[in-house]
Amino acid sequence: MKCNNNLVLQILEKEHLSDIIKTFIFPWTTLKATTEKWEQYYQDQEIGNRTVCIAKIDNQLIGYGTLIKDSKYPFFKIAHIPEINDVRILEEYQGRGFGKQLIQYLENIALIEQYQEIGIGVGLYKDYGNAQKLYVRMGYVPDGNGITYNYQQVTPGSSYTLDDDLIIWLKKDLGKNRIAT
């Protein structure tokens, strides 16, 4: 799908794996772990549990996002709410609306698949600030179940590490009258 600003969004194919592994290996992980992650994502997609979307500009990979149909977050799992997960746009391309377009693409996939709601989790520290603002502007609201650590509700009075596993969960009504494109 061609979007604004020459952005092209498409579903991950096997031949994309080597490029995505090279582009999205981070200092906090290893080549082996990154390769295993992407092979698992592709396998999950092949069996219908996840849809992986990649974002390109001028045939250069700039981001990705996934839609999980069976979330690990218990409240989404029970309510059969798909989860937008692991959305990333390369830093030099952030702030240009590419993340928003990617999320809208995943929302439309969920809509086509007859889901009425969609969910997303977001971290609580500053690195997630732009994502937090974007999700609210896009109509996501807290699901009302508080925050979780590693997908489990936190216990008041307990201490938790402020890391990527401390999440607030948001959801959005996809609306019955919205037209998928």
C-alpha atoms as a PDB file:
ATOM      1  CA  MET A   1       0.000   0.000   0.000  1.00  0.00           C
ATOM      2  CA  LYS A   2       1.433   3.379  -1.044  1.00  0.00           C
ATOM      3  CA  CYS A   3       0.890   6.149   1.529  1.00  0.00           C
ATOM      4  CA  ASN A   4       1.848   9.794   1.902  1.00  0.00           C
ATOM      5  CA  ASN A   5       5.502  10.889   1.622  1.00  0.00           C
ATOM      6  CA  ASN A   6       6.471   7.897  -0.557  1.00  0.00           C
ATOM      7  CA  LEU A   7       5.839   5.529   2.342  1.00  0.00           C
ATOM      8  CA  VAL A   8       5.085   1.971   1.266  1.00  0.00           C
ATOM      9  CA  LEU A   9       3.496  -0.425   3.750  1.00  0.00           C
ATOM     10  CA  GLN A  10       3.436  -4.133   3.053  1.00  0.00           C
ATOM     11  CA  ILE A  11       3.098  -7.469   4.756  1.00  0.00           C
ATOM     12  CA  LEU A  12       6.378  -9.159   5.692  1.00  0.00           C
ATOM     13  CA  GLU A  13       7.580 -11.775   3.219  1.00  0.00           C
ATOM     14  CA  LYS A  14      10.337 -14.322   3.764  1.00  0.00           C
ATOM     15  CA  GLU A  15      12.741 -12.451   1.484  1.00  0.00           C
ATOM     16  CA  HIS A  16      12.495  -9.379   3.766  1.00  0.00           C
ATOM     17  CA  LEU A  17      13.926 -11.222   6.777  1.00  0.00           C
ATOM     18  CA  SER A  18      17.641 -10.640   6.141  1.00  0.00           C
ATOM     19  CA  ASP A  19      17.127  -6.888   5.574  1.00  0.00           C
ATOM     20  CA  ILE A  20      14.947  -6.466   8.633  1.00  0.00           C
ATOM     21  CA  ILE A  21      17.425  -8.372  10.812  1.00  0.00           C
ATOM     22  CA  LYS A  22      20.319  -6.179   9.579  1.00  0.00           C
ATOM     23  CA  THR A  23      18.343  -2.951   9.975  1.00  0.00           C
ATOM     24  CA  PHE A  24      16.802  -3.646  13.371  1.00  0.00           C
ATOM     25  CA  ILE A  25      19.564  -5.243  15.419  1.00  0.00           C
ATOM     26  CA  PHE A  26      20.047  -3.122  18.516  1.00  0.00           C
ATOM     27  CA  PRO A  27      22.958  -2.698  20.960  1.00  0.00           C
ATOM     28  CA  TRP A  28      20.982  -4.386  23.753  1.00  0.00           C
ATOM     29  CA  THR A  29      20.543  -7.631  21.835  1.00  0.00           C
ATOM     30  CA  THR A  30      22.499 -10.132  19.740  1.00  0.00           C
ATOM     31  CA  LEU A  31      22.334 -11.179  16.113  1.00  0.00           C
ATOM     32  CA  LYS A  32      21.162 -14.618  17.245  1.00  0.00           C
ATOM     33  CA  ALA A  33      18.322 -13.203  19.378  1.00  0.00           C
ATOM     34  CA  THR A  34      17.272 -10.780  16.622  1.00  0.00           C
ATOM     35  CA  THR A  35      17.256 -13.563  14.030  1.00  0.00           C
ATOM     36  CA  GLU A  36      15.195 -15.810  16.325  1.00  0.00           C
ATOM     37  CA  LYS A  37      12.708 -12.983  16.962  1.00  0.00           C
ATOM     38  CA  TRP A  38      12.113 -12.359  13.273  1.00  0.00           C
ATOM     39  CA  GLU A  39      11.953 -16.024  12.368  1.00  0.00           C
ATOM     40  CA  GLN A  40       9.330 -16.433  15.117  1.00  0.00           C
ATOM     41  CA  TYR A  41       7.370 -13.401  13.877  1.00  0.00           C
ATOM     42  CA  TYR A  42       7.378 -14.851  10.365  1.00  0.00           C
ATOM     43  CA  GLN A  43       6.311 -18.277  11.641  1.00  0.00           C
ATOM     44  CA  ASP A  44       3.541 -16.668  13.731  1.00  0.00           C
ATOM     45  CA  GLN A  45       2.352 -14.875  10.603  1.00  0.00           C
ATOM     46  CA  GLU A  46       2.423 -18.072   8.541  1.00  0.00           C
ATOM     47  CA  ILE A  47       0.096 -19.815  11.026  1.00  0.00           C
ATOM     48  CA  GLY A  48      -2.208 -16.782  11.311  1.00  0.00           C
ATOM     49  CA  ASN A  49      -1.394 -15.603  14.853  1.00  0.00           C
ATOM     50  CA  ARG A  50       0.359 -12.373  13.860  1.00  0.00           C
ATOM     51  CA  THR A  51       0.449  -9.980  10.928  1.00  0.00           C
ATOM     52  CA  VAL A  52       3.757  -8.204  10.391  1.00  0.00           C
ATOM     53  CA  CYS A  53       3.830  -4.982   8.415  1.00  0.00           C
ATOM     54  CA  ILE A  54       7.020  -3.355   7.166  1.00  0.00           C
ATOM     55  CA  ALA A  55       7.437   0.285   6.195  1.00  0.00           C
ATOM     56  CA  LYS A  56       9.729   1.429   3.382  1.00  0.00           C
ATOM     57  CA  ILE A  57      10.677   4.682   1.713  1.00  0.00           C
ATOM     58  CA  ASP A  58      12.453   4.486  -1.641  1.00  0.00           C
ATOM     59  CA  ASN A  59      12.804   0.739  -1.049  1.00  0.00           C
ATOM     60  CA  GLN A  60      14.668   1.383   2.231  1.00  0.00           C
ATOM     61  CA  LEU A  61      13.276  -0.272   5.338  1.00  0.00           C
ATOM     62  CA  ILE A  62      12.362   2.381   7.937  1.00  0.00           C
ATOM     63  CA  GLY A  63       9.997   0.623  10.324  1.00  0.00           C
ATOM     64  CA  TYR A  64       7.675  -2.181  11.229  1.00  0.00           C
ATOM     65  CA  GLY A  65       4.716  -3.077  13.395  1.00  0.00           C
ATOM     66  CA  THR A  66       2.742  -6.194  14.185  1.00  0.00           C
ATOM     67  CA  LEU A  67      -0.846  -7.139  14.923  1.00  0.00           C
ATOM     68  CA  ILE A  68      -1.238 -10.045  17.347  1.00  0.00           C
ATOM     69  CA  LYS A  69      -4.605 -11.773  17.231  1.00  0.00           C
ATOM     70  CA  ASP A  70      -4.215 -13.579  20.560  1.00  0.00           C
ATOM     71  CA  SER A  71      -2.643 -11.104  22.981  1.00  0.00           C
ATOM     72  CA  LYS A  72      -0.671 -12.203  26.040  1.00  0.00           C
ATOM     73  CA  TYR A  73      -2.394  -9.393  27.960  1.00  0.00           C
ATOM     74  CA  PRO A  74      -5.195 -11.212  29.827  1.00  0.00           C
ATOM     75  CA  PHE A  75      -7.884  -8.514  29.416  1.00  0.00           C
ATOM     76  CA  PHE A  76      -7.376  -8.362  25.640  1.00  0.00           C
ATOM     77  CA  LYS A  77      -7.151 -12.147  25.409  1.00  0.00           C
ATOM     78  CA  ILE A  78     -10.474 -12.690  27.231  1.00  0.00           C
ATOM     79  CA  ALA A  79     -12.227  -9.968  25.192  1.00  0.00           C
ATOM     80  CA  HIS A  80     -10.699 -11.196  21.874  1.00  0.00           C
ATOM     81  CA  ILE A  81      -9.117  -7.799  21.237  1.00  0.00           C
ATOM     82  CA  PRO A  82      -6.156  -7.906  18.844  1.00  0.00           C
ATOM     83  CA  GLU A  83      -3.021  -6.100  19.974  1.00  0.00           C
ATOM     84  CA  ILE A  84      -0.837  -3.760  17.972  1.00  0.00           C
ATOM     85  CA  ASN A  85       2.620  -4.738  19.141  1.00  0.00           C
ATOM     86  CA  ASP A  86       6.278  -3.874  18.619  1.00  0.00           C
ATOM     87  CA  VAL A  87       5.867  -0.748  16.489  1.00  0.00           C
ATOM     88  CA  ARG A  88       9.142   0.906  15.544  1.00  0.00           C
ATOM     89  CA  ILE A  89      10.181   3.659  13.159  1.00  0.00           C
ATOM     90  CA  LEU A  90      13.889   4.426  12.743  1.00  0.00           C
ATOM     91  CA  GLU A  91      14.782   7.533  14.735  1.00  0.00           C
ATOM     92  CA  GLU A  92      15.735   9.614  11.693  1.00  0.00           C
ATOM     93  CA  TYR A  93      12.235   9.046  10.243  1.00  0.00           C
ATOM     94  CA  GLN A  94      10.257   9.753  13.407  1.00  0.00           C
ATOM     95  CA  GLY A  95       7.991  12.784  13.685  1.00  0.00           C
ATOM     96  CA  ARG A  96       6.840  12.652  10.043  1.00  0.00           C
ATOM     97  CA  GLY A  97       3.611  10.697  10.497  1.00  0.00           C
ATOM     98  CA  PHE A  98       4.992   7.320   9.416  1.00  0.00           C
ATOM     99  CA  GLY A  99       4.182   5.658  12.738  1.00  0.00           C
ATOM    100  CA  LYS A 100       0.616   6.934  12.546  1.00  0.00           C
ATOM    101  CA  GLN A 101       0.207   5.583   9.011  1.00  0.00           C
ATOM    102  CA  LEU A 102       1.638   2.226  10.076  1.00  0.00           C
ATOM    103  CA  ILE A 103      -0.794   1.984  13.003  1.00  0.00           C
ATOM    104  CA  GLN A 104      -3.724   2.970  10.767  1.00  0.00           C
ATOM    105  CA  TYR A 105      -2.704   0.207   8.358  1.00  0.00           C
ATOM    106  CA  LEU A 106      -2.744  -2.340  11.203  1.00  0.00           C
ATOM    107  CA  GLU A 107      -6.102  -0.962  12.420  1.00  0.00           C
ATOM    108  CA  ASN A 108      -7.551  -1.489   8.961  1.00  0.00           C
ATOM    109  CA  ILE A 109      -6.325  -5.078   8.913  1.00  0.00           C
ATOM    110  CA  ALA A 110      -8.148  -5.633  12.219  1.00  0.00           C
ATOM    111  CA  LEU A 111     -11.263  -3.969  10.823  1.00  0.00           C
ATOM    112  CA  ILE A 112     -11.202  -6.139   7.696  1.00  0.00           C
ATOM    113  CA  GLU A 113     -10.922  -9.155  10.003  1.00  0.00           C
ATOM    114  CA  GLN A 114     -14.168  -8.009  11.704  1.00  0.00           C
ATOM    115  CA  TYR A 115     -12.707  -6.792  15.016  1.00  0.00           C
ATOM    116  CA  GLN A 116     -14.657  -3.971  16.687  1.00  0.00           C
ATOM    117  CA  GLU A 117     -11.864  -2.942  19.081  1.00  0.00           C
ATOM    118  CA  ILE A 118      -8.096  -2.912  18.997  1.00  0.00           C
ATOM    119  CA  GLY A 119      -5.539  -2.563  21.750  1.00  0.00           C
ATOM    120  CA  ILE A 120      -1.994  -1.385  22.279  1.00  0.00           C
ATOM    121  CA  GLY A 121       0.390  -1.294  25.229  1.00  0.00           C
ATOM    122  CA  VAL A 122       2.872   1.485  25.896  1.00  0.00           C
ATOM    123  CA  GLY A 123       5.734   1.911  28.325  1.00  0.00           C
ATOM    124  CA  LEU A 124       5.656   4.482  31.088  1.00  0.00           C
ATOM    125  CA  TYR A 125       9.035   6.196  30.928  1.00  0.00           C
ATOM    126  CA  LYS A 126      10.226   9.105  28.764  1.00  0.00           C
ATOM    127  CA  ASP A 127      11.451   6.989  25.827  1.00  0.00           C
ATOM    128  CA  TYR A 128       7.776   6.199  25.183  1.00  0.00           C
ATOM    129  CA  GLY A 129       6.584   9.813  25.466  1.00  0.00           C
ATOM    130  CA  ASN A 130       6.067  10.388  21.743  1.00  0.00           C
ATOM    131  CA  ALA A 131       4.236   7.065  21.388  1.00  0.00           C
ATOM    132  CA  GLN A 132       2.004   7.904  24.365  1.00  0.00           C
ATOM    133  CA  LYS A 133       1.020  11.231  22.788  1.00  0.00           C
ATOM    134  CA  LEU A 134       0.455   9.665  19.366  1.00  0.00           C
ATOM    135  CA  TYR A 135      -1.800   6.907  20.687  1.00  0.00           C
ATOM    136  CA  VAL A 136      -3.981   9.385  22.574  1.00  0.00           C
ATOM    137  CA  ARG A 137      -4.244  11.631  19.486  1.00  0.00           C
ATOM    138  CA  MET A 138      -5.295   8.552  17.498  1.00  0.00           C
ATOM    139  CA  GLY A 139      -8.191   7.861  19.878  1.00  0.00           C
ATOM    140  CA  TYR A 140      -6.684   5.234  22.175  1.00  0.00           C
ATOM    141  CA  VAL A 141      -7.784   5.416  25.810  1.00  0.00           C
ATOM    142  CA  PRO A 142      -6.702   3.452  28.883  1.00  0.00           C
ATOM    143  CA  ASP A 143      -8.620   0.201  29.188  1.00  0.00           C
ATOM    144  CA  GLY A 144      -9.315   0.924  32.870  1.00  0.00           C
ATOM    145  CA  ASN A 145      -7.365  -2.030  34.272  1.00  0.00           C
ATOM    146  CA  GLY A 146      -4.317  -0.073  35.425  1.00  0.00           C
ATOM    147  CA  ILE A 147      -0.759  -0.984  34.556  1.00  0.00           C
ATOM    148  CA  THR A 148       0.928  -4.345  34.252  1.00  0.00           C
ATOM    149  CA  TYR A 149       4.382  -5.754  34.703  1.00  0.00           C
ATOM    150  CA  ASN A 150       5.177  -8.590  32.321  1.00  0.00           C
ATOM    151  CA  TYR A 151       1.452  -8.802  31.389  1.00  0.00           C
ATOM    152  CA  GLN A 152       0.317  -9.213  35.027  1.00  0.00           C
ATOM    153  CA  GLN A 153      -1.531  -6.545  37.015  1.00  0.00           C
ATOM    154  CA  VAL A 154       0.681  -4.720  39.484  1.00  0.00           C
ATOM    155  CA  THR A 155      -0.048  -4.931  43.185  1.00  0.00           C
ATOM    156  CA  PRO A 156      -0.425  -1.605  45.018  1.00  0.00           C
ATOM    157  CA  GLY A 157       2.455  -1.061  47.461  1.00  0.00           C
ATOM    158  CA  SER A 158       4.796  -3.385  45.573  1.00  0.00           C
ATOM    159  CA  SER A 159       7.928  -2.246  43.747  1.00  0.00           C
ATOM    160  CA  TYR A 160       8.545  -2.849  40.054  1.00  0.00           C
ATOM    161  CA  THR A 161      11.445  -2.126  37.754  1.00  0.00           C
ATOM    162  CA  LEU A 162      10.755   0.779  35.440  1.00  0.00           C
ATOM    163  CA  ASP A 163      11.577  -0.957  32.180  1.00  0.00           C
ATOM    164  CA  ASP A 164       9.910  -2.048  28.943  1.00  0.00           C
ATOM    165  CA  ASP A 165       7.700  -4.548  30.796  1.00  0.00           C
ATOM    166  CA  LEU A 166       5.890  -1.896  32.881  1.00  0.00           C
ATOM    167  CA  ILE A 167       2.971  -1.078  30.559  1.00  0.00           C
ATOM    168  CA  ILE A 168      -0.300   0.790  30.444  1.00  0.00           C
ATOM    169  CA  TRP A 169      -2.818  -0.750  28.061  1.00  0.00           C
ATOM    170  CA  LEU A 170      -4.977   1.310  25.747  1.00  0.00           C
ATOM    171  CA  LYS A 171      -7.804   0.385  23.440  1.00  0.00           C
ATOM    172  CA  LYS A 172      -9.776   1.961  20.642  1.00  0.00           C
ATOM    173  CA  ASP A 173     -13.244   1.371  19.256  1.00  0.00           C
ATOM    174  CA  LEU A 174     -12.807   0.751  15.546  1.00  0.00           C
ATOM    175  CA  GLY A 175     -16.383   1.848  14.933  1.00  0.00           C
ATOM    176  CA  LYS A 176     -19.095   0.056  13.025  1.00  0.00           C
ATOM    177  CA  ASN A 177     -19.287   2.690  10.290  1.00  0.00           C
ATOM    178  CA  ARG A 178     -15.580   2.995   9.520  1.00  0.00           C
ATOM    179  CA  ILE A 179     -14.605   1.961   6.014  1.00  0.00           C
ATOM    180  CA  ALA A 180     -11.451  -0.135   5.695  1.00  0.00           C
ATOM    181  CA  THR A 181      -9.095   0.936   2.926  1.00  0.00           C
END
